[in-house]
Structures are given as structure tokens and as C-alpha cells.
């Protein structure tokens, strides 16, 4: 097994936390800034879209700054589980969209 010095391990974990925080902060910011457009794209109400944006921003700040990190990560996990559930059980593109289905190879 490859062993890193503890300083590199800590720096790696901090960088990973900061990258996760940046991704969720940018997503939350776009949810909170343009609630009308984002609510249409995800198929939810504007109020719920604003709530998602605030939850993602709060979770990203918690993970990024290390304040209640486990609770913030749990909140982000719940947001992502909801997104996965929405994508699987209420898809907006894919098999039900005829333009996305493969064309038949009949002559």
C-alpha cells in the first residue's frame, strides 16, 4: 500500500472538501439567483427551487469551512438523493422523448 505523509493526506482531504463546496455553491447560487428558469428546468415550484438553492449554499459553506461538516454533508446527500429519485422516476428526457430514441435500421 502506498503511504502518504500526514501533511499530504490532510491537504488532499481539504482540497477535496473545497472542490465539493465549490460545485454545490455554484449550483445553489444558480438555483437561488434564477428561481424562475431553474424551477422550469427541474419541474418544481419557485419556492422549492429557492429552498434547494439555500440548502445547497448552506451545505457547501458547512463543508467548505468545516462547520458542522457531517451535518452539512448529510444535507447535501439528501438533496442529491432527491435529485436522483427525480431523474429516475420522473425523467424529463430519454426514452419518453422520441427525439432521443435510437432510429430503427430498417431501409
N, C-alpha and C. Protein backbone atom coordinates (compact mmCIF):
# COMPACT_ATOMS: atom_id res chain seq x y z
N UNK A 1 0.84 -1.19 0.00
CA UNK A 1 0.00 0.00 0.00
C UNK A 1 0.88 1.24 0.00
N UNK A 2 0.45 2.24 -0.72
CA UNK A 2 1.19 3.48 -0.84
C UNK A 2 0.83 4.40 0.32
N UNK A 3 1.82 4.84 1.09
CA UNK A 3 1.56 5.69 2.25
C UNK A 3 2.03 7.10 1.96
N UNK A 4 1.14 8.04 2.20
CA UNK A 4 1.47 9.46 2.06
C UNK A 4 1.78 10.04 3.43
N UNK A 5 2.62 11.06 3.47
CA UNK A 5 2.83 11.75 4.75
C UNK A 5 1.51 12.39 5.21
N UNK A 6 1.30 12.47 6.50
CA UNK A 6 0.04 13.03 7.01
C UNK A 6 -0.27 14.42 6.48
N UNK A 7 0.75 15.23 6.23
CA UNK A 7 0.50 16.58 5.73
C UNK A 7 -0.14 16.53 4.34
N UNK A 8 0.30 15.60 3.48
CA UNK A 8 -0.29 15.47 2.15
C UNK A 8 -1.69 14.90 2.21
N UNK A 9 -1.92 13.99 3.13
CA UNK A 9 -3.27 13.44 3.30
C UNK A 9 -4.23 14.53 3.73
N UNK A 10 -3.84 15.34 4.70
CA UNK A 10 -4.69 16.44 5.16
C UNK A 10 -4.94 17.45 4.05
N UNK A 11 -3.91 17.78 3.30
CA UNK A 11 -4.06 18.74 2.21
C UNK A 11 -4.98 18.18 1.13
N UNK A 12 -4.87 16.89 0.85
CA UNK A 12 -5.72 16.26 -0.16
C UNK A 12 -7.19 16.29 0.26
N UNK A 13 -7.44 15.97 1.51
CA UNK A 13 -8.82 15.99 2.00
C UNK A 13 -9.39 17.40 2.03
N UNK A 14 -8.58 18.39 2.38
CA UNK A 14 -9.03 19.77 2.35
C UNK A 14 -9.35 20.20 0.93
N UNK A 15 -8.51 19.85 -0.03
CA UNK A 15 -8.76 20.20 -1.42
C UNK A 15 -10.04 19.54 -1.92
N UNK A 16 -10.27 18.30 -1.56
CA UNK A 16 -11.49 17.60 -1.95
C UNK A 16 -12.71 18.29 -1.37
N UNK A 17 -12.65 18.67 -0.09
CA UNK A 17 -13.77 19.39 0.54
C UNK A 17 -14.03 20.71 -0.15
N UNK A 18 -12.98 21.43 -0.51
CA UNK A 18 -13.15 22.73 -1.17
C UNK A 18 -13.73 22.57 -2.58
N UNK A 19 -13.34 21.52 -3.28
CA UNK A 19 -13.91 21.29 -4.61
C UNK A 19 -15.40 20.94 -4.52
N UNK A 20 -15.75 20.11 -3.57
CA UNK A 20 -17.17 19.76 -3.37
C UNK A 20 -17.96 21.01 -3.00
N UNK A 21 -17.39 21.84 -2.13
CA UNK A 21 -18.06 23.08 -1.73
C UNK A 21 -18.25 24.00 -2.94
N UNK A 22 -17.27 24.09 -3.80
CA UNK A 22 -17.38 24.97 -4.98
C UNK A 22 -18.47 24.49 -5.92
N UNK A 23 -18.57 23.19 -6.14
CA UNK A 23 -19.59 22.65 -7.04
C UNK A 23 -20.98 22.91 -6.49
N UNK A 24 -21.19 22.61 -5.22
CA UNK A 24 -22.52 22.80 -4.64
C UNK A 24 -22.86 24.28 -4.48
N UNK A 25 -21.86 25.12 -4.20
CA UNK A 25 -22.14 26.55 -4.08
C UNK A 25 -22.58 27.12 -5.42
N UNK A 26 -21.91 26.74 -6.50
CA UNK A 26 -22.30 27.27 -7.80
C UNK A 26 -23.68 26.78 -8.21
N UNK A 27 -24.00 25.53 -7.90
CA UNK A 27 -25.34 25.01 -8.20
C UNK A 27 -26.40 25.72 -7.35
N UNK A 28 -26.12 25.87 -6.07
CA UNK A 28 -27.07 26.55 -5.19
C UNK A 28 -27.26 28.00 -5.57
N UNK A 29 -26.16 28.65 -5.98
CA UNK A 29 -26.25 30.06 -6.39
C UNK A 29 -27.14 30.20 -7.62
N UNK A 30 -27.00 29.29 -8.59
CA UNK A 30 -27.84 29.38 -9.78
C UNK A 30 -29.30 29.07 -9.46
N UNK A 31 -29.55 28.19 -8.50
CA UNK A 31 -30.92 27.93 -8.07
C UNK A 31 -31.51 29.18 -7.40
N UNK A 32 -30.74 29.82 -6.56
CA UNK A 32 -31.26 30.97 -5.79
C UNK A 32 -31.34 32.23 -6.64
N UNK A 33 -30.45 32.38 -7.62
CA UNK A 33 -30.41 33.59 -8.42
C UNK A 33 -31.51 33.62 -9.48
N UNK A 34 -31.76 32.51 -10.15
CA UNK A 34 -32.74 32.44 -11.23
C UNK A 34 -33.78 31.37 -10.90
N UNK A 35 -34.63 31.66 -9.93
CA UNK A 35 -35.59 30.65 -9.50
C UNK A 35 -36.60 30.30 -10.59
N UNK A 36 -36.99 31.28 -11.40
CA UNK A 36 -37.99 31.01 -12.44
C UNK A 36 -37.45 30.05 -13.49
N UNK A 37 -36.25 30.33 -13.98
CA UNK A 37 -35.67 29.48 -15.01
C UNK A 37 -35.31 28.10 -14.49
N UNK A 38 -34.72 28.06 -13.30
CA UNK A 38 -34.32 26.77 -12.74
C UNK A 38 -35.53 25.93 -12.34
N UNK A 39 -36.60 26.58 -11.87
CA UNK A 39 -37.79 25.81 -11.49
C UNK A 39 -38.42 25.16 -12.71
N UNK A 40 -38.37 25.84 -13.85
CA UNK A 40 -38.89 25.23 -15.07
C UNK A 40 -38.02 24.06 -15.50
N UNK A 41 -36.70 24.21 -15.40
CA UNK A 41 -35.81 23.15 -15.87
C UNK A 41 -35.87 21.91 -14.99
N UNK A 42 -36.15 22.06 -13.71
CA UNK A 42 -36.22 20.88 -12.84
C UNK A 42 -37.66 20.44 -12.57
N UNK A 43 -38.63 21.23 -13.01
CA UNK A 43 -40.03 20.85 -12.85
C UNK A 43 -40.55 20.98 -11.44
N UNK A 44 -40.08 21.96 -10.70
CA UNK A 44 -40.54 22.20 -9.33
C UNK A 44 -41.02 23.64 -9.21
N UNK A 45 -41.63 23.97 -8.07
CA UNK A 45 -42.10 25.33 -7.86
C UNK A 45 -40.93 26.26 -7.58
N UNK A 46 -41.17 27.56 -7.73
CA UNK A 46 -40.12 28.54 -7.48
C UNK A 46 -39.70 28.56 -6.01
N UNK A 47 -40.66 28.39 -5.12
CA UNK A 47 -40.35 28.36 -3.70
C UNK A 47 -39.45 27.18 -3.33
N UNK A 48 -39.76 26.01 -3.89
CA UNK A 48 -38.95 24.83 -3.61
C UNK A 48 -37.56 24.98 -4.23
N UNK A 49 -37.49 25.60 -5.41
CA UNK A 49 -36.20 25.83 -6.06
C UNK A 49 -35.35 26.77 -5.22
N UNK A 50 -35.95 27.81 -4.67
CA UNK A 50 -35.23 28.71 -3.78
C UNK A 50 -34.74 27.97 -2.53
N UNK A 51 -35.60 27.11 -1.97
CA UNK A 51 -35.20 26.30 -0.81
C UNK A 51 -34.01 25.40 -1.16
N UNK A 52 -34.04 24.76 -2.34
CA UNK A 52 -32.92 23.92 -2.76
C UNK A 52 -31.64 24.74 -2.88
N UNK A 53 -31.76 25.94 -3.45
CA UNK A 53 -30.59 26.80 -3.59
C UNK A 53 -29.99 27.17 -2.25
N UNK A 54 -30.83 27.55 -1.32
CA UNK A 54 -30.35 27.93 0.01
C UNK A 54 -29.75 26.72 0.73
N UNK A 55 -30.38 25.56 0.58
CA UNK A 55 -29.86 24.34 1.21
C UNK A 55 -28.49 23.97 0.63
N UNK A 56 -28.34 24.10 -0.70
CA UNK A 56 -27.05 23.77 -1.31
C UNK A 56 -25.98 24.78 -0.91
N UNK A 57 -26.34 26.05 -0.84
CA UNK A 57 -25.37 27.06 -0.41
C UNK A 57 -24.95 26.82 1.04
N UNK A 58 -25.93 26.57 1.92
CA UNK A 58 -25.61 26.32 3.33
C UNK A 58 -24.76 25.07 3.49
N UNK A 59 -25.10 24.00 2.76
CA UNK A 59 -24.32 22.78 2.84
C UNK A 59 -22.91 22.97 2.32
N UNK A 60 -22.78 23.72 1.24
CA UNK A 60 -21.44 23.94 0.69
C UNK A 60 -20.58 24.78 1.62
N UNK A 61 -21.18 25.77 2.26
CA UNK A 61 -20.42 26.58 3.22
C UNK A 61 -20.01 25.74 4.43
N UNK A 62 -20.90 24.87 4.89
CA UNK A 62 -20.57 23.99 6.01
C UNK A 62 -19.44 23.05 5.68
N UNK A 63 -19.49 22.44 4.49
CA UNK A 63 -18.42 21.52 4.09
C UNK A 63 -17.13 22.29 3.84
N UNK A 64 -17.22 23.43 3.17
CA UNK A 64 -16.03 24.19 2.83
C UNK A 64 -15.30 24.76 4.03
N UNK A 65 -16.05 25.31 4.98
CA UNK A 65 -15.42 25.92 6.15
C UNK A 65 -15.23 24.94 7.31
N UNK A 66 -15.79 23.74 7.19
CA UNK A 66 -15.62 22.74 8.24
C UNK A 66 -16.50 22.97 9.45
N UNK A 67 -17.62 23.66 9.27
CA UNK A 67 -18.55 23.93 10.36
C UNK A 67 -19.70 22.93 10.26
N UNK A 68 -19.85 22.09 11.25
CA UNK A 68 -20.86 21.03 11.24
C UNK A 68 -20.77 20.24 9.93
N UNK A 69 -19.57 19.80 9.59
CA UNK A 69 -19.29 19.18 8.30
C UNK A 69 -20.15 17.95 8.04
N UNK A 70 -20.29 17.11 9.04
CA UNK A 70 -21.07 15.89 8.84
C UNK A 70 -22.54 16.20 8.60
N UNK A 71 -23.07 17.16 9.34
CA UNK A 71 -24.47 17.55 9.15
C UNK A 71 -24.66 18.21 7.77
N UNK A 72 -23.72 19.05 7.37
CA UNK A 72 -23.79 19.69 6.06
C UNK A 72 -23.70 18.66 4.95
N UNK A 73 -22.81 17.69 5.09
CA UNK A 73 -22.67 16.64 4.09
C UNK A 73 -23.93 15.78 4.02
N UNK A 74 -24.54 15.51 5.17
CA UNK A 74 -25.79 14.76 5.18
C UNK A 74 -26.89 15.52 4.44
N UNK A 75 -26.97 16.81 4.65
CA UNK A 75 -27.96 17.62 3.92
C UNK A 75 -27.72 17.58 2.42
N UNK A 76 -26.47 17.66 1.99
CA UNK A 76 -26.16 17.60 0.56
C UNK A 76 -26.46 16.21 0.00
N UNK A 77 -26.23 15.18 0.79
CA UNK A 77 -26.56 13.82 0.36
C UNK A 77 -28.06 13.70 0.14
N UNK A 78 -28.85 14.26 1.05
CA UNK A 78 -30.31 14.20 0.90
C UNK A 78 -30.78 14.96 -0.34
N UNK A 79 -30.17 16.11 -0.60
CA UNK A 79 -30.51 16.86 -1.81
C UNK A 79 -30.21 16.03 -3.05
N UNK A 80 -29.06 15.38 -3.06
CA UNK A 80 -28.67 14.58 -4.22
C UNK A 80 -29.52 13.32 -4.36
N UNK A 81 -29.91 12.72 -3.25
CA UNK A 81 -30.82 11.57 -3.33
C UNK A 81 -32.16 11.98 -3.93
N UNK A 82 -32.63 13.17 -3.57
CA UNK A 82 -33.86 13.68 -4.18
C UNK A 82 -33.69 13.92 -5.66
N UNK A 83 -32.54 14.42 -6.07
CA UNK A 83 -32.29 14.65 -7.50
C UNK A 83 -32.23 13.33 -8.26
N UNK A 84 -31.60 12.32 -7.66
CA UNK A 84 -31.53 11.01 -8.29
C UNK A 84 -32.91 10.41 -8.42
N UNK A 85 -33.71 10.51 -7.36
CA UNK A 85 -35.07 9.99 -7.39
C UNK A 85 -35.88 10.68 -8.47
N UNK A 86 -35.74 11.98 -8.58
CA UNK A 86 -36.48 12.75 -9.59
C UNK A 86 -36.06 12.32 -10.98
N UNK A 87 -34.78 12.11 -11.19
CA UNK A 87 -34.28 11.73 -12.50
C UNK A 87 -34.71 10.32 -12.89
N UNK A 88 -34.74 9.41 -11.93
CA UNK A 88 -35.10 8.02 -12.23
C UNK A 88 -36.61 7.86 -12.42
N UNK A 89 -37.40 8.41 -11.50
CA UNK A 89 -38.83 8.15 -11.51
C UNK A 89 -39.66 9.20 -12.23
N UNK A 90 -39.08 10.34 -12.54
CA UNK A 90 -39.79 11.37 -13.29
C UNK A 90 -38.84 11.99 -14.31
N UNK A 91 -38.36 11.18 -15.26
CA UNK A 91 -37.37 11.70 -16.20
C UNK A 91 -37.97 12.75 -17.12
N UNK A 92 -37.15 13.70 -17.53
CA UNK A 92 -37.61 14.73 -18.45
C UNK A 92 -37.04 14.55 -19.84
N UNK A 93 -36.14 13.60 -20.00
CA UNK A 93 -35.62 13.29 -21.32
C UNK A 93 -35.19 11.84 -21.33
N UNK A 94 -35.07 11.29 -22.50
CA UNK A 94 -34.67 9.90 -22.59
C UNK A 94 -35.66 9.09 -23.38
N UNK A 95 -36.09 7.97 -22.81
CA UNK A 95 -36.93 7.03 -23.54
C UNK A 95 -38.27 7.61 -23.95
N UNK A 96 -38.84 8.49 -23.13
CA UNK A 96 -40.15 9.04 -23.47
C UNK A 96 -40.07 10.15 -24.50
N UNK A 97 -38.86 10.63 -24.78
CA UNK A 97 -38.67 11.70 -25.75
C UNK A 97 -38.29 11.06 -27.10
N UNK A 98 -39.16 11.14 -28.10
CA UNK A 98 -38.89 10.46 -29.36
C UNK A 98 -37.62 10.96 -30.05
N UNK A 99 -37.25 12.20 -29.84
CA UNK A 99 -36.04 12.70 -30.49
C UNK A 99 -34.78 12.10 -29.90
N UNK A 100 -34.88 11.48 -28.71
CA UNK A 100 -33.70 10.88 -28.07
C UNK A 100 -33.62 9.38 -28.32
N UNK A 101 -34.68 8.79 -28.87
CA UNK A 101 -34.64 7.34 -29.07
C UNK A 101 -33.84 7.01 -30.32
N UNK A 102 -33.19 5.85 -30.30
CA UNK A 102 -32.40 5.46 -31.47
C UNK A 102 -33.29 5.18 -32.67
N UNK A 103 -32.80 5.49 -33.82
CA UNK A 103 -33.59 5.28 -35.03
C UNK A 103 -33.51 3.81 -35.44
N UNK A 104 -34.57 3.36 -36.03
CA UNK A 104 -34.58 1.97 -36.47
C UNK A 104 -33.69 1.84 -37.71
N UNK A 105 -33.13 0.66 -37.89
CA UNK A 105 -32.21 0.46 -39.00
C UNK A 105 -32.92 -0.11 -40.22
N UNK A 106 -34.25 -0.01 -40.25
CA UNK A 106 -34.99 -0.55 -41.38
C UNK A 106 -34.81 0.36 -42.60
N UNK A 107 -34.69 -0.25 -43.81
CA UNK A 107 -34.47 0.55 -45.02
C UNK A 107 -35.66 1.31 -45.49
